[in-house]
Amino acid sequence: MIAYLEGKLLKKEDDRILLLNNQVGYEILLPAFVRQTFHSKKIGEEVALYIYYHQTERQPKPTLIGFNLEVEREFFRHFISVEDIGPMKAVQALALPVREIARAIESRDSAFLKQLKGIGNRTAQKILATLEGKVAKFALIRQAEEPIEAAPSEDFIEQVLEVLTKQLGHKVKEAKEMIGIALKRNKNITTAEELFEEVYRGEVS
């Protein structure tokens, strides 16, 4: 199964690209929020994508769906766990940044979700019912940057610092400030999950 690809950008189409890797061309579908990051990329440029590999008995031909960040692919997996949302529908629906969609889910903003292509009121409610409380960390995603090694810390604090820097693109100094403010606001935090939630609350308040 293909999980990650690097190679030259051979072609850009409306909803997909062709990527050359070891003399093999891979057709990769891109959700709209990922396609926006490819507008400035030129043919022949080296690109790298995390891949969601989709193949079923009803659809035996493999489909590759690409993401700039591993954490974006993780959110995609959560999103398609919602009833009536398959990978192809999700590719069309995810036209806005993951950060904004995750915030809408955590704040129960169904009106925002209904802005997504193919998402009506019924599906928006299913998204909220399925994902509320599970996607707070995705609301902290920033533009992809070079990951920076996290400094040693207490176990659960180190876990959160690592996710903020390596997966979500925050700089170490910024991530430490976010964690420090969250711990000052709530001195009873004892787990990584609680710390994520408190950091998220600070970002949206």
N, C-alpha and C. Protein backbone atom coordinates (compact mmCIF):
# COMPACT_ATOMS: atom_id res chain seq x y z
N MET A 1 0.85 -1.20 0.00
CA MET A 1 0.00 0.00 0.00
C MET A 1 0.88 1.25 0.00
N ILE A 2 0.53 2.23 -0.79
CA ILE A 2 1.32 3.46 -0.91
C ILE A 2 0.86 4.46 0.15
N ALA A 3 1.81 4.96 0.95
CA ALA A 3 1.47 5.91 2.01
C ALA A 3 2.15 7.27 1.84
N TYR A 4 3.20 7.33 1.01
CA TYR A 4 3.95 8.58 0.85
C TYR A 4 4.67 8.54 -0.49
N LEU A 5 4.67 9.67 -1.20
CA LEU A 5 5.35 9.74 -2.49
C LEU A 5 6.11 11.05 -2.63
N GLU A 6 7.31 10.97 -3.18
CA GLU A 6 8.08 12.14 -3.57
C GLU A 6 8.42 11.99 -5.05
N GLY A 7 8.44 13.11 -5.77
CA GLY A 7 8.80 13.04 -7.17
C GLY A 7 8.59 14.35 -7.88
N LYS A 8 8.69 14.32 -9.21
CA LYS A 8 8.53 15.53 -10.02
C LYS A 8 7.07 15.71 -10.42
N LEU A 9 6.63 16.94 -10.39
CA LEU A 9 5.28 17.29 -10.83
C LEU A 9 5.26 17.30 -12.35
N LEU A 10 4.53 16.36 -12.95
CA LEU A 10 4.48 16.24 -14.41
C LEU A 10 3.31 17.00 -15.03
N LYS A 11 2.19 17.03 -14.30
CA LYS A 11 0.97 17.61 -14.89
C LYS A 11 0.02 18.03 -13.78
N LYS A 12 -0.69 19.14 -14.01
CA LYS A 12 -1.74 19.58 -13.08
C LYS A 12 -3.06 19.62 -13.83
N GLU A 13 -4.09 19.00 -13.25
CA GLU A 13 -5.44 19.04 -13.82
C GLU A 13 -6.37 19.65 -12.79
N ASP A 14 -7.67 19.68 -13.08
CA ASP A 14 -8.63 20.35 -12.21
C ASP A 14 -8.58 19.84 -10.78
N ASP A 15 -8.61 18.53 -10.61
CA ASP A 15 -8.70 17.97 -9.26
C ASP A 15 -7.60 16.96 -8.95
N ARG A 16 -6.57 16.91 -9.79
CA ARG A 16 -5.53 15.90 -9.59
C ARG A 16 -4.21 16.35 -10.21
N ILE A 17 -3.15 15.64 -9.84
CA ILE A 17 -1.85 15.88 -10.45
C ILE A 17 -1.27 14.55 -10.92
N LEU A 18 -0.25 14.64 -11.76
CA LEU A 18 0.51 13.47 -12.16
C LEU A 18 1.92 13.66 -11.61
N LEU A 19 2.37 12.71 -10.81
CA LEU A 19 3.66 12.80 -10.15
C LEU A 19 4.56 11.67 -10.65
N LEU A 20 5.79 12.02 -11.06
CA LEU A 20 6.74 11.03 -11.56
C LEU A 20 7.67 10.59 -10.44
N ASN A 21 7.68 9.28 -10.17
CA ASN A 21 8.53 8.71 -9.12
C ASN A 21 9.16 7.44 -9.66
N ASN A 22 10.50 7.44 -9.76
CA ASN A 22 11.22 6.26 -10.28
C ASN A 22 10.66 5.79 -11.62
N GLN A 23 10.45 6.74 -12.52
CA GLN A 23 9.99 6.47 -13.89
C GLN A 23 8.57 5.91 -13.96
N VAL A 24 7.84 6.04 -12.85
CA VAL A 24 6.42 5.65 -12.83
C VAL A 24 5.59 6.90 -12.54
N GLY A 25 4.53 7.11 -13.33
CA GLY A 25 3.66 8.26 -13.12
C GLY A 25 2.47 7.88 -12.26
N TYR A 26 2.27 8.61 -11.18
CA TYR A 26 1.15 8.35 -10.26
C TYR A 26 0.11 9.47 -10.38
N GLU A 27 -1.13 9.08 -10.66
CA GLU A 27 -2.23 10.04 -10.68
C GLU A 27 -2.75 10.18 -9.25
N ILE A 28 -2.73 11.40 -8.74
CA ILE A 28 -3.10 11.63 -7.34
C ILE A 28 -4.20 12.68 -7.26
N LEU A 29 -5.34 12.30 -6.68
CA LEU A 29 -6.42 13.25 -6.43
C LEU A 29 -6.03 14.17 -5.28
N LEU A 30 -6.41 15.45 -5.38
CA LEU A 30 -6.11 16.41 -4.32
C LEU A 30 -7.39 17.07 -3.84
N PRO A 31 -7.68 17.01 -2.53
CA PRO A 31 -8.79 17.81 -2.00
C PRO A 31 -8.55 19.28 -2.34
N ALA A 32 -9.61 20.06 -2.41
CA ALA A 32 -9.49 21.45 -2.85
C ALA A 32 -8.51 22.25 -2.00
N PHE A 33 -8.49 22.02 -0.69
CA PHE A 33 -7.59 22.81 0.16
C PHE A 33 -6.12 22.47 -0.12
N VAL A 34 -5.86 21.26 -0.61
CA VAL A 34 -4.50 20.90 -1.01
C VAL A 34 -4.18 21.47 -2.39
N ARG A 35 -5.15 21.43 -3.30
CA ARG A 35 -4.94 21.97 -4.65
C ARG A 35 -4.53 23.43 -4.61
N GLN A 36 -5.08 24.18 -3.65
CA GLN A 36 -4.74 25.60 -3.55
C GLN A 36 -3.25 25.80 -3.33
N THR A 37 -2.61 24.88 -2.64
CA THR A 37 -1.17 25.01 -2.37
C THR A 37 -0.34 24.66 -3.60
N PHE A 38 -0.96 24.07 -4.62
CA PHE A 38 -0.24 23.69 -5.83
C PHE A 38 -0.33 24.74 -6.93
N HIS A 39 -1.10 25.81 -6.70
CA HIS A 39 -1.23 26.84 -7.72
C HIS A 39 0.11 27.45 -8.09
N SER A 40 0.97 27.61 -7.11
CA SER A 40 2.27 28.26 -7.35
C SER A 40 3.36 27.27 -7.75
N LYS A 41 3.08 25.99 -7.70
CA LYS A 41 4.10 24.99 -8.05
C LYS A 41 4.20 24.84 -9.56
N LYS A 42 5.41 24.66 -10.03
CA LYS A 42 5.67 24.60 -11.47
C LYS A 42 5.93 23.16 -11.91
N ILE A 43 5.60 22.90 -13.18
CA ILE A 43 5.86 21.58 -13.75
C ILE A 43 7.37 21.30 -13.67
N GLY A 44 7.71 20.11 -13.22
CA GLY A 44 9.11 19.75 -13.05
C GLY A 44 9.62 19.95 -11.64
N GLU A 45 8.83 20.65 -10.82
CA GLU A 45 9.22 20.90 -9.43
C GLU A 45 9.08 19.62 -8.60
N GLU A 46 9.99 19.45 -7.64
CA GLU A 46 9.92 18.31 -6.73
C GLU A 46 8.81 18.55 -5.70
N VAL A 47 7.96 17.55 -5.52
CA VAL A 47 6.87 17.66 -4.54
C VAL A 47 6.82 16.38 -3.70
N ALA A 48 6.20 16.48 -2.55
CA ALA A 48 6.05 15.32 -1.65
C ALA A 48 4.65 15.33 -1.08
N LEU A 49 4.02 14.17 -1.04
CA LEU A 49 2.65 14.06 -0.54
C LEU A 49 2.47 12.81 0.31
N TYR A 50 1.70 12.97 1.38
CA TYR A 50 1.22 11.81 2.14
C TYR A 50 -0.01 11.28 1.41
N ILE A 51 -0.10 9.97 1.28
CA ILE A 51 -1.12 9.36 0.43
C ILE A 51 -2.15 8.56 1.24
N TYR A 52 -3.42 8.81 0.92
CA TYR A 52 -4.50 7.93 1.39
C TYR A 52 -4.82 7.00 0.22
N TYR A 53 -4.68 5.70 0.43
CA TYR A 53 -4.86 4.70 -0.62
C TYR A 53 -6.26 4.11 -0.50
N HIS A 54 -7.06 4.28 -1.56
CA HIS A 54 -8.46 3.83 -1.51
C HIS A 54 -8.70 2.76 -2.55
N GLN A 55 -9.17 1.60 -2.09
CA GLN A 55 -9.52 0.50 -2.99
C GLN A 55 -10.54 -0.39 -2.29
N THR A 56 -11.61 -0.72 -2.98
CA THR A 56 -12.64 -1.59 -2.42
C THR A 56 -13.03 -2.64 -3.45
N GLU A 57 -13.83 -3.62 -3.03
CA GLU A 57 -14.31 -4.64 -3.97
C GLU A 57 -15.16 -4.00 -5.06
N ARG A 58 -15.97 -3.01 -4.67
CA ARG A 58 -16.83 -2.34 -5.64
C ARG A 58 -16.03 -1.40 -6.52
N GLN A 59 -14.88 -0.94 -6.01
CA GLN A 59 -14.02 -0.06 -6.79
C GLN A 59 -12.59 -0.63 -6.76
N PRO A 60 -12.35 -1.67 -7.56
CA PRO A 60 -11.05 -2.35 -7.51
C PRO A 60 -9.88 -1.51 -8.00
N LYS A 61 -10.15 -0.51 -8.84
CA LYS A 61 -9.07 0.36 -9.32
C LYS A 61 -8.61 1.27 -8.17
N PRO A 62 -7.34 1.20 -7.78
CA PRO A 62 -6.85 2.02 -6.66
C PRO A 62 -6.96 3.51 -6.96
N THR A 63 -7.31 4.28 -5.95
CA THR A 63 -7.33 5.74 -6.03
C THR A 63 -6.37 6.28 -4.98
N LEU A 64 -5.49 7.19 -5.39
CA LEU A 64 -4.55 7.82 -4.48
C LEU A 64 -5.01 9.25 -4.20
N ILE A 65 -5.07 9.62 -2.93
CA ILE A 65 -5.49 10.96 -2.52
C ILE A 65 -4.34 11.57 -1.73
N GLY A 66 -3.92 12.78 -2.13
CA GLY A 66 -2.70 13.36 -1.57
C GLY A 66 -2.92 14.50 -0.59
N PHE A 67 -1.98 14.60 0.37
CA PHE A 67 -2.02 15.64 1.41
C PHE A 67 -0.61 16.16 1.67
N ASN A 68 -0.49 17.45 1.99
CA ASN A 68 0.81 18.03 2.28
C ASN A 68 1.36 17.57 3.63
N LEU A 69 0.47 17.38 4.60
CA LEU A 69 0.87 17.02 5.95
C LEU A 69 0.24 15.69 6.36
N GLU A 70 0.97 14.93 7.14
CA GLU A 70 0.43 13.66 7.63
C GLU A 70 -0.82 13.88 8.48
N VAL A 71 -0.83 14.98 9.23
CA VAL A 71 -1.96 15.27 10.11
C VAL A 71 -3.22 15.60 9.29
N GLU A 72 -3.05 16.14 8.07
CA GLU A 72 -4.21 16.39 7.20
C GLU A 72 -4.83 15.06 6.76
N ARG A 73 -3.97 14.10 6.46
CA ARG A 73 -4.48 12.77 6.10
C ARG A 73 -5.20 12.13 7.28
N GLU A 74 -4.69 12.36 8.48
CA GLU A 74 -5.33 11.82 9.68
C GLU A 74 -6.73 12.41 9.84
N PHE A 75 -6.86 13.73 9.61
CA PHE A 75 -8.18 14.35 9.69
C PHE A 75 -9.11 13.76 8.63
N PHE A 76 -8.59 13.54 7.43
CA PHE A 76 -9.38 12.96 6.34
C PHE A 76 -9.96 11.62 6.76
N ARG A 77 -9.15 10.80 7.43
CA ARG A 77 -9.63 9.49 7.89
C ARG A 77 -10.77 9.66 8.89
N HIS A 78 -10.65 10.65 9.77
CA HIS A 78 -11.75 10.93 10.70
C HIS A 78 -13.00 11.35 9.92
N PHE A 79 -12.81 12.23 8.95
CA PHE A 79 -13.93 12.80 8.19
C PHE A 79 -14.71 11.71 7.45
N ILE A 80 -14.01 10.76 6.85
CA ILE A 80 -14.71 9.72 6.09
C ILE A 80 -15.28 8.62 6.99
N SER A 81 -15.03 8.72 8.29
CA SER A 81 -15.68 7.79 9.23
C SER A 81 -17.14 8.16 9.47
N VAL A 82 -17.53 9.36 9.03
CA VAL A 82 -18.91 9.81 9.18
C VAL A 82 -19.79 9.08 8.16
N GLU A 83 -20.94 8.62 8.61
CA GLU A 83 -21.88 7.92 7.72
C GLU A 83 -22.22 8.80 6.51
N ASP A 84 -22.24 8.18 5.34
CA ASP A 84 -22.59 8.84 4.07
C ASP A 84 -21.48 9.71 3.51
N ILE A 85 -20.30 9.73 4.14
CA ILE A 85 -19.17 10.47 3.56
C ILE A 85 -18.07 9.48 3.20
N GLY A 86 -17.93 9.23 1.90
CA GLY A 86 -16.86 8.37 1.43
C GLY A 86 -15.68 9.21 0.98
N PRO A 87 -14.58 8.58 0.59
CA PRO A 87 -13.39 9.32 0.17
C PRO A 87 -13.64 10.29 -0.98
N MET A 88 -14.41 9.88 -1.99
CA MET A 88 -14.63 10.77 -3.13
C MET A 88 -15.46 11.99 -2.74
N LYS A 89 -16.46 11.78 -1.91
CA LYS A 89 -17.28 12.91 -1.44
C LYS A 89 -16.44 13.84 -0.58
N ALA A 90 -15.56 13.26 0.24
CA ALA A 90 -14.71 14.07 1.11
C ALA A 90 -13.74 14.92 0.30
N VAL A 91 -13.19 14.36 -0.78
CA VAL A 91 -12.27 15.12 -1.64
C VAL A 91 -12.95 16.38 -2.16
N GLN A 92 -14.22 16.26 -2.54
CA GLN A 92 -14.96 17.42 -3.04
C GLN A 92 -15.36 18.38 -1.93
N ALA A 93 -15.68 17.83 -0.76
CA ALA A 93 -16.20 18.66 0.34
C ALA A 93 -15.11 19.50 1.00
N LEU A 94 -13.90 18.96 1.10
CA LEU A 94 -12.85 19.64 1.86
C LEU A 94 -12.20 20.75 1.04
N ALA A 95 -12.97 21.81 0.85
CA ALA A 95 -12.51 22.96 0.07
C ALA A 95 -11.90 24.05 0.95
N LEU A 96 -12.12 23.96 2.25
CA LEU A 96 -11.60 24.95 3.19
C LEU A 96 -10.51 24.30 4.04
N PRO A 97 -9.62 25.09 4.63
CA PRO A 97 -8.54 24.52 5.43
C PRO A 97 -9.05 23.62 6.55
N VAL A 98 -8.34 22.54 6.81
CA VAL A 98 -8.70 21.60 7.87
C VAL A 98 -8.88 22.32 9.19
N ARG A 99 -8.00 23.28 9.47
CA ARG A 99 -8.06 24.05 10.72
C ARG A 99 -9.45 24.65 10.93
N GLU A 100 -10.00 25.27 9.87
CA GLU A 100 -11.30 25.94 9.97
C GLU A 100 -12.44 24.93 10.13
N ILE A 101 -12.35 23.82 9.41
CA ILE A 101 -13.39 22.79 9.50
C ILE A 101 -13.40 22.17 10.89
N ALA A 102 -12.21 21.89 11.43
CA ALA A 102 -12.11 21.31 12.78
C ALA A 102 -12.69 22.27 13.82
N ARG A 103 -12.40 23.55 13.68
CA ARG A 103 -12.95 24.53 14.63
C ARG A 103 -14.47 24.57 14.55
N ALA A 104 -15.00 24.48 13.33
CA ALA A 104 -16.45 24.49 13.16
C ALA A 104 -17.08 23.28 13.84
N ILE A 105 -16.42 22.13 13.73
CA ILE A 105 -16.94 20.92 14.36
C ILE A 105 -16.92 21.06 15.88
N GLU A 106 -15.81 21.53 16.43
CA GLU A 106 -15.69 21.65 17.88
C GLU A 106 -16.62 22.72 18.46
N SER A 107 -16.97 23.71 17.65
CA SER A 107 -17.89 24.76 18.12
C SER A 107 -19.33 24.51 17.68
N ARG A 108 -19.57 23.33 17.08
CA ARG A 108 -20.91 22.92 16.62
C ARG A 108 -21.51 23.93 15.65
N ASP A 109 -20.71 24.40 14.73
CA ASP A 109 -21.15 25.39 13.74
C ASP A 109 -21.63 24.68 12.47
N SER A 110 -22.87 24.22 12.49
CA SER A 110 -23.40 23.47 11.35
C SER A 110 -23.55 24.36 10.12
N ALA A 111 -23.80 25.65 10.33
CA ALA A 111 -23.93 26.57 9.20
C ALA A 111 -22.62 26.63 8.40
N PHE A 112 -21.51 26.63 9.11
CA PHE A 112 -20.21 26.62 8.43
C PHE A 112 -20.03 25.34 7.64
N LEU A 113 -20.36 24.21 8.25
CA LEU A 113 -20.18 22.92 7.58
C LEU A 113 -21.03 22.82 6.32
N LYS A 114 -22.19 23.46 6.33
CA LYS A 114 -23.07 23.40 5.16
C LYS A 114 -22.53 24.21 3.98
N GLN A 115 -21.47 24.98 4.21
CA GLN A 115 -20.80 25.67 3.10
C GLN A 115 -19.97 24.70 2.26
N LEU A 116 -19.66 23.55 2.83
CA LEU A 116 -18.83 22.57 2.13
C LEU A 116 -19.65 21.88 1.04
N LYS A 117 -19.03 21.65 -0.09
CA LYS A 117 -19.72 21.06 -1.24
C LYS A 117 -20.30 19.69 -0.90
N GLY A 118 -21.59 19.52 -1.16
CA GLY A 118 -22.25 18.24 -0.94
C GLY A 118 -22.67 17.97 0.49
N ILE A 119 -22.47 18.96 1.38
CA ILE A 119 -22.83 18.78 2.79
C ILE A 119 -24.10 19.57 3.10
N GLY A 120 -25.21 18.86 3.27
CA GLY A 120 -26.46 19.50 3.65
C GLY A 120 -26.64 19.46 5.15
N ASN A 121 -27.82 19.86 5.61
CA ASN A 121 -28.07 19.92 7.05
C ASN A 121 -27.97 18.55 7.71
N ARG A 122 -28.54 17.53 7.06
CA ARG A 122 -28.53 16.18 7.64
C ARG A 122 -27.10 15.66 7.81
N THR A 123 -26.28 15.84 6.78
CA THR A 123 -24.90 15.37 6.86
C THR A 123 -24.09 16.20 7.84
N ALA A 124 -24.35 17.50 7.89
CA ALA A 124 -23.65 18.36 8.85
C ALA A 124 -23.91 17.89 10.28
N GLN A 125 -25.14 17.51 10.56
CA GLN A 125 -25.48 17.03 11.90
C GLN A 125 -24.78 15.69 12.20
N LYS A 126 -24.65 14.85 11.18
CA LYS A 126 -23.94 13.59 11.36
C LYS A 126 -22.46 13.83 11.64
N ILE A 127 -21.89 14.83 10.96
CA ILE A 127 -20.48 15.18 11.20
C ILE A 127 -20.29 15.61 12.65
N LEU A 128 -21.19 16.47 13.13
CA LEU A 128 -21.09 16.95 14.52
C LEU A 128 -21.26 15.79 15.51
N ALA A 129 -22.23 14.94 15.24
CA ALA A 129 -22.51 13.82 16.16
C ALA A 129 -21.34 12.84 16.21
N THR A 130 -20.67 12.66 15.08
CA THR A 130 -19.59 11.67 15.01
C THR A 130 -18.24 12.22 15.47
N LEU A 131 -17.96 13.48 15.15
CA LEU A 131 -16.59 13.99 15.33
C LEU A 131 -16.41 15.01 16.45
N GLU A 132 -17.49 15.56 16.99
CA GLU A 132 -17.32 16.56 18.05
C GLU A 132 -16.53 15.96 19.21
N GLY A 133 -15.52 16.68 19.67
CA GLY A 133 -14.68 16.21 20.76
C GLY A 133 -13.51 15.35 20.32
N LYS A 134 -13.42 15.07 19.01
CA LYS A 134 -12.35 14.20 18.51
C LYS A 134 -11.35 14.93 17.61
N VAL A 135 -11.64 16.18 17.24
CA VAL A 135 -10.80 16.84 16.23
C VAL A 135 -10.21 18.16 16.70
N ALA A 136 -10.18 18.39 18.01
CA ALA A 136 -9.68 19.68 18.53
C ALA A 136 -8.25 19.95 18.09
N LYS A 137 -7.40 18.93 18.11
CA LYS A 137 -5.99 19.18 17.78
C LYS A 137 -5.82 19.64 16.33
N PHE A 138 -6.74 19.24 15.44
CA PHE A 138 -6.62 19.64 14.04
C PHE A 138 -6.90 21.13 13.84
N ALA A 139 -7.57 21.74 14.82
CA ALA A 139 -7.84 23.17 14.74
C ALA A 139 -6.57 23.99 14.92
N LEU A 140 -5.47 23.35 15.27
CA LEU A 140 -4.21 24.05 15.49
C LEU A 140 -3.27 23.94 14.30
N ILE A 141 -3.70 23.28 13.22
CA ILE A 141 -2.83 23.11 12.06
C ILE A 141 -2.50 24.46 11.44
N ARG A 142 -1.23 24.62 11.06
CA ARG A 142 -0.79 25.82 10.36
C ARG A 142 -0.25 25.42 9.00
N GLN A 143 0.18 26.41 8.20
CA GLN A 143 0.83 26.10 6.94
C GLN A 143 2.03 25.21 7.21
N ALA A 144 2.26 24.27 6.31
CA ALA A 144 3.37 23.34 6.49
C ALA A 144 4.69 24.09 6.56
N GLU A 145 5.46 23.76 7.57
CA GLU A 145 6.79 24.32 7.74
C GLU A 145 7.73 23.17 8.06
N GLU A 146 9.02 23.42 8.05
CA GLU A 146 9.97 22.39 8.44
C GLU A 146 9.74 22.02 9.89
N PRO A 147 9.58 20.74 10.20
CA PRO A 147 9.41 20.35 11.60
C PRO A 147 10.67 20.64 12.40
N ILE A 148 10.49 21.02 13.65
CA ILE A 148 11.61 21.35 14.52
C ILE A 148 11.59 20.39 15.70
N GLU A 149 12.75 19.91 16.08
CA GLU A 149 12.81 18.96 17.19
C GLU A 149 12.33 19.60 18.49
N ALA A 150 11.55 18.88 19.23
CA ALA A 150 11.04 19.38 20.50
C ALA A 150 12.07 19.16 21.61
N ALA A 151 12.10 20.08 22.55
CA ALA A 151 13.01 19.95 23.68
C ALA A 151 12.41 18.99 24.70
N PRO A 152 13.25 18.29 25.47
CA PRO A 152 12.75 17.37 26.49
C PRO A 152 11.87 18.08 27.50
N SER A 153 10.85 17.39 28.00
CA SER A 153 9.96 17.98 28.99
C SER A 153 9.27 16.84 29.71
N GLU A 154 8.29 17.16 30.56
CA GLU A 154 7.51 16.10 31.17
C GLU A 154 6.82 15.30 30.08
N ASP A 155 6.53 14.02 30.36
CA ASP A 155 6.05 13.11 29.34
C ASP A 155 4.88 13.65 28.53
N PHE A 156 3.77 14.01 29.20
CA PHE A 156 2.59 14.42 28.42
C PHE A 156 2.80 15.78 27.78
N ILE A 157 3.57 16.65 28.41
CA ILE A 157 3.87 17.95 27.81
C ILE A 157 4.73 17.76 26.57
N GLU A 158 5.68 16.84 26.65
CA GLU A 158 6.55 16.55 25.51
C GLU A 158 5.74 15.99 24.34
N GLN A 159 4.75 15.16 24.65
CA GLN A 159 3.89 14.61 23.59
C GLN A 159 3.18 15.72 22.84
N VAL A 160 2.60 16.66 23.59
CA VAL A 160 1.85 17.76 22.97
C VAL A 160 2.81 18.67 22.20
N LEU A 161 3.96 18.95 22.77
CA LEU A 161 4.95 19.79 22.10
C LEU A 161 5.40 19.16 20.78
N GLU A 162 5.57 17.84 20.79
CA GLU A 162 5.99 17.14 19.58
C GLU A 162 4.93 17.22 18.49
N VAL A 163 3.66 17.05 18.87
CA VAL A 163 2.58 17.14 17.88
C VAL A 163 2.47 18.55 17.33
N LEU A 164 2.54 19.56 18.21
CA LEU A 164 2.42 20.95 17.77
C LEU A 164 3.53 21.33 16.80
N THR A 165 4.74 20.82 17.01
CA THR A 165 5.87 21.20 16.16
C THR A 165 6.02 20.29 14.96
N LYS A 166 6.05 18.97 15.19
CA LYS A 166 6.35 18.04 14.10
C LYS A 166 5.17 17.80 13.18
N GLN A 167 3.95 17.79 13.73
CA GLN A 167 2.78 17.48 12.91
C GLN A 167 2.00 18.71 12.50
N LEU A 168 1.92 19.71 13.38
CA LEU A 168 1.03 20.84 13.12
C LEU A 168 1.77 22.10 12.67
N GLY A 169 3.09 22.04 12.59
CA GLY A 169 3.84 23.12 11.96
C GLY A 169 4.17 24.33 12.80
N HIS A 170 3.94 24.28 14.10
CA HIS A 170 4.28 25.42 14.96
C HIS A 170 5.77 25.40 15.28
N LYS A 171 6.34 26.57 15.50
CA LYS A 171 7.73 26.67 15.94
C LYS A 171 7.80 26.31 17.42
N VAL A 172 8.97 25.83 17.84
CA VAL A 172 9.13 25.36 19.21
C VAL A 172 8.79 26.46 20.22
N LYS A 173 9.32 27.67 19.99
CA LYS A 173 9.07 28.77 20.93
C LYS A 173 7.58 29.06 21.05
N GLU A 174 6.90 29.11 19.90
CA GLU A 174 5.47 29.41 19.88
C GLU A 174 4.68 28.30 20.59
N ALA A 175 5.05 27.04 20.30
CA ALA A 175 4.36 25.90 20.90
C ALA A 175 4.52 25.90 22.42
N LYS A 176 5.73 26.22 22.89
CA LYS A 176 5.96 26.26 24.34
C LYS A 176 5.13 27.35 25.00
N GLU A 177 4.99 28.50 24.31
CA GLU A 177 4.17 29.59 24.86
C GLU A 177 2.71 29.16 24.96
N MET A 178 2.21 28.48 23.92
CA MET A 178 0.82 28.01 23.92
C MET A 178 0.59 27.02 25.07
N ILE A 179 1.56 26.12 25.26
CA ILE A 179 1.45 25.13 26.34
C ILE A 179 1.51 25.80 27.69
N GLY A 180 2.44 26.76 27.84
CA GLY A 180 2.59 27.47 29.11
C GLY A 180 1.34 28.21 29.52
N ILE A 181 0.72 28.89 28.55
CA ILE A 181 -0.51 29.64 28.82
C ILE A 181 -1.63 28.68 29.22
N ALA A 182 -1.71 27.54 28.52
CA ALA A 182 -2.76 26.55 28.82
C ALA A 182 -2.58 25.99 30.23
N LEU A 183 -1.34 25.69 30.62
CA LEU A 183 -1.07 25.13 31.95
C LEU A 183 -1.32 26.16 33.05
N LYS A 184 -1.08 27.43 32.73
CA LYS A 184 -1.33 28.50 33.71
C LYS A 184 -2.84 28.67 33.90
N ARG A 185 -3.59 28.51 32.80
CA ARG A 185 -5.04 28.68 32.84
C ARG A 185 -5.71 27.52 33.58
N ASN A 186 -5.14 26.33 33.44
CA ASN A 186 -5.71 25.15 34.09
C ASN A 186 -4.58 24.34 34.72
N LYS A 187 -4.40 24.48 36.02
CA LYS A 187 -3.28 23.84 36.72
C LYS A 187 -3.55 22.37 37.03
N ASN A 188 -4.74 21.87 36.69
CA ASN A 188 -5.11 20.49 37.00
C ASN A 188 -4.90 19.53 35.83
N ILE A 189 -4.29 20.01 34.77
CA ILE A 189 -4.07 19.15 33.60
C ILE A 189 -3.06 18.06 33.91
N THR A 190 -3.42 16.82 33.57
CA THR A 190 -2.51 15.70 33.86
C THR A 190 -2.28 14.78 32.66
N THR A 191 -2.98 15.03 31.54
CA THR A 191 -2.82 14.17 30.37
C THR A 191 -2.63 15.00 29.12
N ALA A 192 -2.08 14.37 28.08
CA ALA A 192 -1.88 15.05 26.80
C ALA A 192 -3.22 15.49 26.20
N GLU A 193 -4.24 14.64 26.34
CA GLU A 193 -5.56 14.97 25.79
C GLU A 193 -6.12 16.23 26.44
N GLU A 194 -6.01 16.33 27.76
CA GLU A 194 -6.50 17.52 28.47
C GLU A 194 -5.73 18.76 28.03
N LEU A 195 -4.42 18.60 27.84
CA LEU A 195 -3.60 19.74 27.42
C LEU A 195 -3.96 20.20 26.01
N PHE A 196 -4.19 19.25 25.10
CA PHE A 196 -4.62 19.60 23.75
C PHE A 196 -5.91 20.43 23.80
N GLU A 197 -6.86 19.96 24.59
CA GLU A 197 -8.15 20.64 24.70
C GLU A 197 -7.96 22.06 25.23
N GLU A 198 -7.10 22.23 26.22
CA GLU A 198 -6.90 23.55 26.82
C GLU A 198 -6.17 24.49 25.85
N VAL A 199 -5.19 23.97 25.12
CA VAL A 199 -4.51 24.77 24.10
C VAL A 199 -5.51 25.22 23.05
N TYR A 200 -6.38 24.29 22.62
CA TYR A 200 -7.39 24.62 21.62
C TYR A 200 -8.33 25.70 22.11
N ARG A 201 -8.78 25.60 23.37
CA ARG A 201 -9.69 26.61 23.92
C ARG A 201 -9.05 27.99 23.88
N GLY A 202 -7.77 28.06 24.17
CA GLY A 202 -7.07 29.34 24.14
C GLY A 202 -6.98 29.91 22.74
N GLU A 203 -6.86 29.04 21.74
CA GLU A 203 -6.76 29.50 20.35
C GLU A 203 -8.07 30.06 19.83
N VAL A 204 -9.19 29.50 20.28
CA VAL A 204 -10.49 29.92 19.74
C VAL A 204 -11.17 30.98 20.59
N SER A 205 -10.65 31.25 21.78
CA SER A 205 -11.31 32.22 22.66
C SER A 205 -11.00 33.65 22.22
